[in-house]
PDB file of N, CA and C in Angstrom:
ATOM      1  N   MET A   1       7.199  16.219  -3.395  1.00  0.00           N
ATOM      2  CA  MET A   1       6.172  15.657  -2.443  1.00  0.00           C
ATOM      3  C   MET A   1       5.499  16.746  -1.627  1.00  0.00           C
ATOM      4  N   LYS A   2       6.167  17.755  -1.362  1.00  0.00           N
ATOM      5  CA  LYS A   2       5.720  18.619  -0.600  1.00  0.00           C
ATOM      6  C   LYS A   2       4.503  19.308  -1.403  1.00  0.00           C
ATOM      7  N   ASN A   3       4.599  19.148  -2.727  1.00  0.00           N
ATOM      8  CA  ASN A   3       3.301  19.684  -3.171  1.00  0.00           C
ATOM      9  C   ASN A   3       2.110  18.898  -3.206  1.00  0.00           C
ATOM     10  N   GLN A   4       2.258  17.842  -3.428  1.00  0.00           N
ATOM     11  CA  GLN A   4       1.130  16.397  -3.164  1.00  0.00           C
ATOM     12  C   GLN A   4       0.566  16.646  -1.625  1.00  0.00           C
ATOM     13  N   VAL A   5       1.473  16.719  -0.241  1.00  0.00           N
ATOM     14  CA  VAL A   5       0.989  16.971   0.745  1.00  0.00           C
ATOM     15  C   VAL A   5      -0.115  18.111   0.784  1.00  0.00           C
ATOM     16  N   THR A   6       0.837  19.787   0.202  1.00  0.00           N
ATOM     17  CA  THR A   6      -0.425  20.845   0.406  1.00  0.00           C
ATOM     18  C   THR A   6      -1.434  20.599  -0.386  1.00  0.00           C
ATOM     19  N   VAL A   7      -1.681  19.880  -1.875  1.00  0.00           N
ATOM     20  CA  VAL A   7      -2.534  19.672  -2.520  1.00  0.00           C
ATOM     21  C   VAL A   7      -3.501  18.354  -1.734  1.00  0.00           C
ATOM     22  N   ARG A   8      -3.540  17.476  -1.285  1.00  0.00           N
ATOM     23  CA  ARG A   8      -3.958  16.391  -0.579  1.00  0.00           C
ATOM     24  C   ARG A   8      -4.581  17.732   0.780  1.00  0.00           C
ATOM     25  N   THR A   9      -3.986  18.070   1.677  1.00  0.00           N
ATOM     26  CA  THR A   9      -4.268  18.861   2.271  1.00  0.00           C
ATOM     27  C   THR A   9      -5.327  19.499   2.305  1.00  0.00           C
ATOM     28  N   ALA A  10      -5.317  20.275   1.116  1.00  0.00           N
ATOM     29  CA  ALA A  10      -6.204  21.344   0.555  1.00  0.00           C
ATOM     30  C   ALA A  10      -7.874  20.859   0.388  1.00  0.00           C
ATOM     31  N   GLU A  11      -7.625  19.482  -0.453  1.00  0.00           N
ATOM     32  CA  GLU A  11      -8.496  18.941  -0.756  1.00  0.00           C
ATOM     33  C   GLU A  11      -9.423  17.786   0.471  1.00  0.00           C
ATOM     34  N   VAL A  12      -8.534  17.903   1.628  1.00  0.00           N
ATOM     35  CA  VAL A  12      -9.250  17.515   2.850  1.00  0.00           C
ATOM     36  C   VAL A  12     -10.150  18.610   4.010  1.00  0.00           C
ATOM     37  N   LYS A  13      -9.221  19.501   3.513  1.00  0.00           N
ATOM     38  CA  LYS A  13      -9.937  20.889   4.728  1.00  0.00           C
ATOM     39  C   LYS A  13     -10.965  21.010   3.348  1.00  0.00           C
ATOM     40  N   SER A  14     -11.738  21.404   2.103  1.00  0.00           N
ATOM     41  CA  SER A  14     -12.277  21.656   1.891  1.00  0.00           C
ATOM     42  C   SER A  14     -13.423  20.679   1.632  1.00  0.00           C
ATOM     43  N   GLY A  15     -13.352  19.410   1.942  1.00  0.00           N
ATOM     44  CA  GLY A  15     -14.260  18.271   2.066  1.00  0.00           C
ATOM     45  C   GLY A  15     -14.334  17.970   0.740  1.00  0.00           C
ATOM     46  N   SER A  16     -14.032  18.051  -0.052  1.00  0.00           N
ATOM     47  CA  SER A  16     -13.955  17.742  -1.614  1.00  0.00           C
ATOM     48  C   SER A  16     -14.486  16.323  -1.874  1.00  0.00           C
ATOM     49  N   VAL A  17     -15.493  15.716  -3.030  1.00  0.00           N
ATOM     50  CA  VAL A  17     -15.770  14.580  -3.243  1.00  0.00           C
ATOM     51  C   VAL A  17     -14.562  13.844  -3.711  1.00  0.00           C
ATOM     52  N   ALA A  18     -13.678  14.260  -3.752  1.00  0.00           N
ATOM     53  CA  ALA A  18     -12.481  13.365  -4.344  1.00  0.00           C
ATOM     54  C   ALA A  18     -11.865  12.907  -2.951  1.00  0.00           C
ATOM     55  N   ALA A  19     -11.658  13.708  -1.719  1.00  0.00           N
ATOM     56  CA  ALA A  19     -10.757  13.565  -1.104  1.00  0.00           C
ATOM     57  C   ALA A  19     -11.972  12.610  -0.066  1.00  0.00           C
ATOM     58  N   GLU A  20     -12.979  12.463  -0.440  1.00  0.00           N
ATOM     59  CA  GLU A  20     -14.388  12.237   0.524  1.00  0.00           C
ATOM     60  C   GLU A  20     -13.970  10.352   0.080  1.00  0.00           C
ATOM     61  N   GLU A  21     -13.795  10.262  -1.239  1.00  0.00           N
ATOM     62  CA  GLU A  21     -13.729   8.936  -1.619  1.00  0.00           C
ATOM     63  C   GLU A  21     -12.504   8.222  -1.791  1.00  0.00           C
ATOM     64  N   ARG A  22     -11.443   8.783  -1.853  1.00  0.00           N
ATOM     65  CA  ARG A  22      -9.998   8.354  -1.968  1.00  0.00           C
ATOM     66  C   ARG A  22      -9.787   7.155   0.219  1.00  0.00           C
ATOM     67  N   SER A  23      -9.453   6.583  -0.283  1.00  0.00           N
ATOM     68  CA  SER A  23      -9.379   5.354   1.048  1.00  0.00           C
ATOM     69  C   SER A  23      -7.869   5.088   0.514  1.00  0.00           C
ATOM     70  N   ASP A  24      -7.071   5.621   0.345  1.00  0.00           N
ATOM     71  CA  ASP A  24      -5.820   5.111   0.326  1.00  0.00           C
ATOM     72  C   ASP A  24      -4.510   5.669   1.653  1.00  0.00           C
ATOM     73  N   ALA A  25      -3.422   5.145   1.873  1.00  0.00           N
ATOM     74  CA  ALA A  25      -3.005   5.572   3.280  1.00  0.00           C
ATOM     75  C   ALA A  25      -2.444   6.747   3.344  1.00  0.00           C
ATOM     76  N   PHE A  26      -2.216   7.413   2.354  1.00  0.00           N
ATOM     77  CA  PHE A  26      -1.457   9.107   2.027  1.00  0.00           C
ATOM     78  C   PHE A  26      -3.042   9.786   2.297  1.00  0.00           C
ATOM     79  N   THR A  27      -4.263   9.865   2.133  1.00  0.00           N
ATOM     80  CA  THR A  27      -5.028  10.684   2.292  1.00  0.00           C
ATOM     81  C   THR A  27      -5.497  10.174   3.592  1.00  0.00           C
ATOM     82  N   MET A  28      -5.658   8.988   4.126  1.00  0.00           N
ATOM     83  CA  MET A  28      -5.894   8.516   5.290  1.00  0.00           C
ATOM     84  C   MET A  28      -5.043   9.873   6.040  1.00  0.00           C
ATOM     85  N   LEU A  29      -3.844   9.646   6.278  1.00  0.00           N
ATOM     86  CA  LEU A  29      -3.073   9.948   6.837  1.00  0.00           C
ATOM     87  C   LEU A  29      -3.112  11.752   7.148  1.00  0.00           C
ATOM     88  N   VAL A  30      -3.415  12.314   5.925  1.00  0.00           N
ATOM     89  CA  VAL A  30      -3.872  13.545   5.721  1.00  0.00           C
ATOM     90  C   VAL A  30      -4.929  13.944   6.521  1.00  0.00           C
ATOM     91  N   ARG A  31      -5.398  13.184   6.506  1.00  0.00           N
ATOM     92  CA  ARG A  31      -7.135  13.590   6.990  1.00  0.00           C
ATOM     93  C   ARG A  31      -7.067  13.158   8.807  1.00  0.00           C
ATOM     94  N   ALA A  32      -6.113  12.166   9.188  1.00  0.00           N
ATOM     95  CA  ALA A  32      -6.122  12.383  10.813  1.00  0.00           C
ATOM     96  C   ALA A  32      -5.326  13.425  10.989  1.00  0.00           C
ATOM     97  N   ASN A  33      -4.143  13.781  10.326  1.00  0.00           N
ATOM     98  CA  ASN A  33      -3.329  14.899  10.683  1.00  0.00           C
ATOM     99  C   ASN A  33      -4.137  16.057  10.745  1.00  0.00           C
ATOM    100  N   GLU A  34      -5.065  16.644  10.089  1.00  0.00           N
ATOM    101  CA  GLU A  34      -6.091  17.425  10.244  1.00  0.00           C
ATOM    102  C   GLU A  34      -6.920  17.674  11.098  1.00  0.00           C
ATOM    103  N   GLN A  35      -7.526  16.412  11.739  1.00  0.00           N
ATOM    104  CA  GLN A  35      -8.084  16.662  12.366  1.00  0.00           C
ATOM    105  C   GLN A  35      -7.415  16.584  14.087  1.00  0.00           C
ATOM    106  N   GLU A  36      -6.062  16.760  14.056  1.00  0.00           N
ATOM    107  CA  GLU A  36      -5.289  16.961  15.322  1.00  0.00           C
ATOM    108  C   GLU A  36      -4.783  18.562  15.493  1.00  0.00           C
ATOM    109  N   THR A  37      -4.640  18.876  16.788  1.00  0.00           N
ATOM    110  CA  THR A  37      -4.128  20.220  16.995  1.00  0.00           C
ATOM    111  C   THR A  37      -3.273  20.458  18.026  1.00  0.00           C
ATOM    112  N   GLY A  38      -2.354  21.175  18.046  1.00  0.00           N
ATOM    113  CA  GLY A  38      -1.363  21.550  19.158  1.00  0.00           C
ATOM    114  C   GLY A  38      -0.563  20.421  18.932  1.00  0.00           C
ATOM    115  N   LYS A  39       0.332  19.896  19.902  1.00  0.00           N
ATOM    116  CA  LYS A  39       1.843  19.572  19.444  1.00  0.00           C
ATOM    117  C   LYS A  39       1.459  17.891  18.607  1.00  0.00           C
ATOM    118  N   LEU A  40       0.563  17.023  18.884  1.00  0.00           N
ATOM    119  CA  LEU A  40       0.332  16.256  18.368  1.00  0.00           C
ATOM    120  C   LEU A  40      -0.130  16.030  16.477  1.00  0.00           C
ATOM    121  N   LYS A  41      -0.304  17.464  15.998  1.00  0.00           N
ATOM    122  CA  LYS A  41       0.003  17.585  14.536  1.00  0.00           C
ATOM    123  C   LYS A  41       1.109  17.684  14.320  1.00  0.00           C
ATOM    124  N   LEU A  42       1.318  16.704  12.672  1.00  0.00           N
ATOM    125  CA  LEU A  42       2.231  16.427  12.302  1.00  0.00           C
ATOM    126  C   LEU A  42       2.664  17.792  11.462  1.00  0.00           C
ATOM    127  N   SER A  43       4.290  17.999  11.386  1.00  0.00           N
ATOM    128  CA  SER A  43       4.584  18.991  10.202  1.00  0.00           C
ATOM    129  C   SER A  43       4.559  18.341   8.614  1.00  0.00           C
ATOM    130  N   ASP A  44       4.404  19.158   7.846  1.00  0.00           N
ATOM    131  CA  ASP A  44       4.815  18.746   6.708  1.00  0.00           C
ATOM    132  C   ASP A  44       5.606  17.732   6.250  1.00  0.00           C
ATOM    133  N   GLN A  45       7.253  18.047   6.636  1.00  0.00           N
ATOM    134  CA  GLN A  45       8.301  16.992   6.766  1.00  0.00           C
ATOM    135  C   GLN A  45       8.032  15.661   7.319  1.00  0.00           C
ATOM    136  N   GLU A  46       7.428  15.429   8.510  1.00  0.00           N
ATOM    137  CA  GLU A  46       7.148  14.579   9.435  1.00  0.00           C
ATOM    138  C   GLU A  46       5.926  13.958   8.940  1.00  0.00           C
ATOM    139  N   LEU A  47       4.987  14.413   8.482  1.00  0.00           N
ATOM    140  CA  LEU A  47       3.794  13.605   7.080  1.00  0.00           C
ATOM    141  C   LEU A  47       4.647  13.134   6.289  1.00  0.00           C
ATOM    142  N   ILE A  48       5.578  13.908   5.491  1.00  0.00           N
ATOM    143  CA  ILE A  48       6.244  12.973   4.147  1.00  0.00           C
ATOM    144  C   ILE A  48       7.061  11.825   4.811  1.00  0.00           C
ATOM    145  N   GLY A  49       7.886  12.151   6.031  1.00  0.00           N
ATOM    146  CA  GLY A  49       8.478  10.724   6.616  1.00  0.00           C
ATOM    147  C   GLY A  49       8.184   9.801   7.077  1.00  0.00           C
ATOM    148  N   ASN A  50       6.684  10.148   7.469  1.00  0.00           N
ATOM    149  CA  ASN A  50       5.501   8.844   7.905  1.00  0.00           C
ATOM    150  C   ASN A  50       5.171   8.362   6.548  1.00  0.00           C
ATOM    151  N   VAL A  51       5.150   9.193   5.156  1.00  0.00           N
ATOM    152  CA  VAL A  51       4.508   8.059   4.230  1.00  0.00           C
ATOM    153  C   VAL A  51       5.677   7.413   3.727  1.00  0.00           C
ATOM    154  N   PHE A  52       6.570   7.906   3.533  1.00  0.00           N
ATOM    155  CA  PHE A  52       7.674   7.253   2.822  1.00  0.00           C
ATOM    156  C   PHE A  52       8.283   5.722   3.995  1.00  0.00           C
ATOM    157  N   ILE A  53       7.954   5.841   5.370  1.00  0.00           N
ATOM    158  CA  ILE A  53       8.181   4.729   5.706  1.00  0.00           C
ATOM    159  C   ILE A  53       7.260   3.775   5.800  1.00  0.00           C
ATOM    160  N   LEU A  54       6.142   4.168   5.366  1.00  0.00           N
ATOM    161  CA  LEU A  54       4.875   2.943   5.228  1.00  0.00           C
ATOM    162  C   LEU A  54       4.825   2.651   3.931  1.00  0.00           C
ATOM    163  N   LEU A  55       5.352   3.317   2.542  1.00  0.00           N
ATOM    164  CA  LEU A  55       5.689   2.500   1.424  1.00  0.00           C
ATOM    165  C   LEU A  55       6.878   1.931   1.428  1.00  0.00           C
ATOM    166  N   PHE A  56       7.965   2.179   2.203  1.00  0.00           N
ATOM    167  CA  PHE A  56       9.535   1.435   1.956  1.00  0.00           C
ATOM    168  C   PHE A  56       9.366   0.390   2.853  1.00  0.00           C
ATOM    169  N   ALA A  57       8.305   0.224   3.880  1.00  0.00           N
ATOM    170  CA  ALA A  57       7.900  -0.900   4.984  1.00  0.00           C
ATOM    171  C   ALA A  57       7.275  -1.627   4.413  1.00  0.00           C
ATOM    172  N   GLY A  58       6.098  -1.481   3.647  1.00  0.00           N
ATOM    173  CA  GLY A  58       5.572  -2.167   2.663  1.00  0.00           C
ATOM    174  C   GLY A  58       5.712  -2.905   1.841  1.00  0.00           C
ATOM    175  N   HIS A  59       7.249  -2.038   0.955  1.00  0.00           N
ATOM    176  CA  HIS A  59       7.609  -2.792  -0.089  1.00  0.00           C
ATOM    177  C   HIS A  59       8.419  -3.840   0.490  1.00  0.00           C
ATOM    178  N   GLU A  60       8.973  -3.467   1.288  1.00  0.00           N
ATOM    179  CA  GLU A  60      10.202  -4.317   1.918  1.00  0.00           C
ATOM    180  C   GLU A  60       9.622  -5.667   2.195  1.00  0.00           C
ATOM    181  N   THR A  61       8.425  -5.822   2.825  1.00  0.00           N
ATOM    182  CA  THR A  61       7.286  -6.468   3.549  1.00  0.00           C
ATOM    183  C   THR A  61       7.255  -7.537   2.486  1.00  0.00           C
ATOM    184  N   THR A  62       6.505  -7.325   1.622  1.00  0.00           N
ATOM    185  CA  THR A  62       5.961  -7.618   0.469  1.00  0.00           C
ATOM    186  C   THR A  62       6.884  -8.515  -0.484  1.00  0.00           C
ATOM    187  N   ALA A  63       8.432  -7.681  -0.658  1.00  0.00           N
ATOM    188  CA  ALA A  63       9.208  -8.416  -1.187  1.00  0.00           C
ATOM    189  C   ALA A  63      10.227  -9.348  -0.636  1.00  0.00           C
ATOM    190  N   HIS A  64       9.968  -9.667   0.569  1.00  0.00           N
ATOM    191  CA  HIS A  64      10.702 -10.977   1.719  1.00  0.00           C
ATOM    192  C   HIS A  64       9.716 -11.762   1.390  1.00  0.00           C
ATOM    193  N   THR A  65       8.403 -11.655   1.660  1.00  0.00           N
ATOM    194  CA  THR A  65       7.273 -12.630   1.808  1.00  0.00           C
ATOM    195  C   THR A  65       7.015 -13.388   0.031  1.00  0.00           C
ATOM    196  N   LEU A  66       7.481 -12.691  -0.829  1.00  0.00           N
ATOM    197  CA  LEU A  66       7.205 -13.276  -1.820  1.00  0.00           C
ATOM    198  C   LEU A  66       8.695 -14.383  -2.652  1.00  0.00           C
ATOM    199  N   SER A  67       9.865 -13.520  -2.136  1.00  0.00           N
ATOM    200  CA  SER A  67      11.222 -14.436  -2.182  1.00  0.00           C
ATOM    201  C   SER A  67      10.855 -15.690  -1.065  1.00  0.00           C
ATOM    202  N   SER A  68      10.764 -15.470   0.194  1.00  0.00           N
ATOM    203  CA  SER A  68      10.300 -16.649   0.788  1.00  0.00           C
ATOM    204  C   SER A  68       9.684 -17.748   0.433  1.00  0.00           C
ATOM    205  N   THR A  69       8.531 -17.179   0.021  1.00  0.00           N
ATOM    206  CA  THR A  69       7.337 -18.389  -0.621  1.00  0.00           C
ATOM    207  C   THR A  69       8.058 -18.804  -1.814  1.00  0.00           C
ATOM    208  N   LEU A  70       8.514 -18.539  -3.062  1.00  0.00           N
ATOM    209  CA  LEU A  70       9.173 -18.595  -3.994  1.00  0.00           C
ATOM    210  C   LEU A  70      10.190 -19.833  -3.933  1.00  0.00           C
ATOM    211  N   ALA A  71      11.077 -19.689  -2.327  1.00  0.00           N
ATOM    212  CA  ALA A  71      12.154 -20.376  -2.394  1.00  0.00           C
ATOM    213  C   ALA A  71      11.564 -21.692  -1.974  1.00  0.00           C
ATOM    214  N   LEU A  72      10.598 -21.674  -1.270  1.00  0.00           N
ATOM    215  CA  LEU A  72       9.932 -22.422  -0.154  1.00  0.00           C
ATOM    216  C   LEU A  72       9.348 -23.498  -1.684  1.00  0.00           C
ATOM    217  N   LEU A  73       8.488 -22.945  -2.531  1.00  0.00           N
ATOM    218  CA  LEU A  73       8.163 -23.512  -3.201  1.00  0.00           C
ATOM    219  C   LEU A  73       8.905 -24.468  -4.167  1.00  0.00           C
ATOM    220  N   ALA A  74      10.490 -23.646  -4.724  1.00  0.00           N
ATOM    221  CA  ALA A  74      11.211 -24.115  -5.493  1.00  0.00           C
ATOM    222  C   ALA A  74      11.829 -25.747  -4.339  1.00  0.00           C
ATOM    223  N   LEU A  75      11.465 -25.496  -3.168  1.00  0.00           N
ATOM    224  CA  LEU A  75      11.918 -26.634  -2.240  1.00  0.00           C
ATOM    225  C   LEU A  75      11.046 -27.718  -1.868  1.00  0.00           C
ATOM    226  N   HIS A  76       9.810 -27.580  -2.399  1.00  0.00           N
ATOM    227  CA  HIS A  76       8.950 -28.505  -2.164  1.00  0.00           C
ATOM    228  C   HIS A  76       8.252 -28.427  -3.597  1.00  0.00           C
ATOM    229  N   GLN A  77       8.677 -29.225  -4.415  1.00  0.00           N
ATOM    230  CA  GLN A  77       7.774 -29.400  -6.280  1.00  0.00           C
ATOM    231  C   GLN A  77       6.559 -30.316  -5.786  1.00  0.00           C
ATOM    232  N   ASP A  78       5.951 -30.804  -5.017  1.00  0.00           N
ATOM    233  CA  ASP A  78       4.545 -31.392  -4.802  1.00  0.00           C
ATOM    234  C   ASP A  78       3.776 -30.495  -4.435  1.00  0.00           C
ATOM    235  N   ILE A  79       4.359 -29.563  -3.830  1.00  0.00           N
ATOM    236  CA  ILE A  79       3.048 -28.453  -3.235  1.00  0.00           C
ATOM    237  C   ILE A  79       2.984 -27.233  -4.422  1.00  0.00           C
ATOM    238  N   GLN A  80       4.005 -27.076  -5.316  1.00  0.00           N
ATOM    239  CA  GLN A  80       4.358 -26.500  -6.356  1.00  0.00           C
ATOM    240  C   GLN A  80       2.986 -26.858  -7.644  1.00  0.00           C
ATOM    241  N   GLU A  81       3.484 -27.967  -7.696  1.00  0.00           N
ATOM    242  CA  GLU A  81       2.488 -28.532  -8.648  1.00  0.00           C
ATOM    243  C   GLU A  81       1.223 -28.733  -8.360  1.00  0.00           C
ATOM    244  N   GLU A  82       0.654 -28.850  -7.258  1.00  0.00           N
ATOM    245  CA  GLU A  82      -0.525 -28.349  -6.638  1.00  0.00           C
ATOM    246  C   GLU A  82      -1.134 -26.995  -6.903  1.00  0.00           C
ATOM    247  N   ILE A  83      -0.267 -26.382  -6.636  1.00  0.00           N
ATOM    248  CA  ILE A  83      -0.427 -24.895  -6.908  1.00  0.00           C
ATOM    249  C   ILE A  83      -0.742 -24.203  -8.007  1.00  0.00           C
ATOM    250  N   LEU A  84       0.448 -24.912  -9.022  1.00  0.00           N
ATOM    251  CA  LEU A  84      -0.167 -24.885 -10.762  1.00  0.00           C
ATOM    252  C   LEU A  84      -1.480 -25.386 -10.868  1.00  0.00           C
ATOM    253  N   GLU A  85      -1.454 -26.696 -10.250  1.00  0.00           N
ATOM    254  CA  GLU A  85      -3.116 -27.016 -10.738  1.00  0.00           C
ATOM    255  C   GLU A  85      -4.040 -26.544 -10.238  1.00  0.00           C
ATOM    256  N   GLN A  86      -4.377 -25.584  -9.190  1.00  0.00           N
ATOM    257  CA  GLN A  86      -5.238 -24.671  -8.830  1.00  0.00           C
ATOM    258  C   GLN A  86      -5.158 -23.464  -9.733  1.00  0.00           C
ATOM    259  N   ILE A  87      -4.093 -22.822 -10.197  1.00  0.00           N
ATOM    260  CA  ILE A  87      -4.069 -21.824 -10.876  1.00  0.00           C
ATOM    261  C   ILE A  87      -4.723 -22.305 -12.509  1.00  0.00           C
ATOM    262  N   VAL A  88      -4.362 -22.926 -12.796  1.00  0.00           N
ATOM    263  CA  VAL A  88      -4.738 -23.785 -14.433  1.00  0.00           C
ATOM    264  C   VAL A  88      -6.522 -24.175 -13.917  1.00  0.00           C
ATOM    265  N   SER A  89      -6.979 -24.519 -12.960  1.00  0.00           N
ATOM    266  CA  SER A  89      -8.414 -24.849 -12.944  1.00  0.00           C
ATOM    267  C   SER A  89      -9.134 -23.496 -12.565  1.00  0.00           C
ATOM    268  N   VAL A  90      -8.692 -22.478 -12.328  1.00  0.00           N
ATOM    269  CA  VAL A  90      -9.075 -21.235 -11.948  1.00  0.00           C
ATOM    270  C   VAL A  90      -9.226 -20.503 -13.515  1.00  0.00           C
ATOM    271  N   ILE A  91      -8.124 -20.286 -13.861  1.00  0.00           N
ATOM    272  CA  ILE A  91      -7.866 -19.496 -15.205  1.00  0.00           C
ATOM    273  C   ILE A  91      -7.968 -20.702 -16.465  1.00  0.00           C
ATOM    274  N   GLY A  92      -7.731 -21.725 -16.498  1.00  0.00           N
ATOM    275  CA  GLY A  92      -7.610 -22.236 -17.529  1.00  0.00           C
ATOM    276  C   GLY A  92      -6.453 -21.949 -18.513  1.00  0.00           C
ATOM    277  N   HIS A  93      -6.182 -23.317 -19.418  1.00  0.00           N
ATOM    278  CA  HIS A  93      -4.858 -23.298 -20.616  1.00  0.00           C
ATOM    279  C   HIS A  93      -4.575 -22.054 -21.265  1.00  0.00           C
ATOM    280  N   ASP A  94      -5.983 -21.428 -21.444  1.00  0.00           N
ATOM    281  CA  ASP A  94      -5.884 -20.652 -23.180  1.00  0.00           C
ATOM    282  C   ASP A  94      -5.160 -19.256 -22.295  1.00  0.00           C
ATOM    283  N   ARG A  95      -5.099 -19.004 -21.098  1.00  0.00           N
ATOM    284  CA  ARG A  95      -5.043 -17.501 -20.735  1.00  0.00           C
ATOM    285  C   ARG A  95      -3.978 -17.612 -19.992  1.00  0.00           C
ATOM    286  N   ASP A  96      -3.061 -16.404 -19.983  1.00  0.00           N
ATOM    287  CA  ASP A  96      -1.830 -16.016 -19.493  1.00  0.00           C
ATOM    288  C   ASP A  96      -2.736 -15.871 -17.780  1.00  0.00           C
ATOM    289  N   PRO A  97      -1.990 -16.103 -16.894  1.00  0.00           N
ATOM    290  CA  PRO A  97      -1.926 -16.053 -15.379  1.00  0.00           C
ATOM    291  C   PRO A  97      -1.576 -14.142 -15.133  1.00  0.00           C
TER     292      PRO A  97
END
């Protein structure tokens, strides 16, 4: 991970086209960190820690949301059938969702 931080930091500092076109959270965090000075600038370890927290929090939130949604759909068969009808009306019967 430290290598990825080093590479991405170098890309951001150089103003490369690849770094400018990226809009992922990691690049935005590196870009924002490079604009900071003094005690507000994060060390590489702090940057890695923040990226880990963002990824973990996003994964946990998504997992909990999906499991709650599926549980509620299992309890409400009528809504489940409505959703299925909507999916079939968009995708059709011949294609896998």
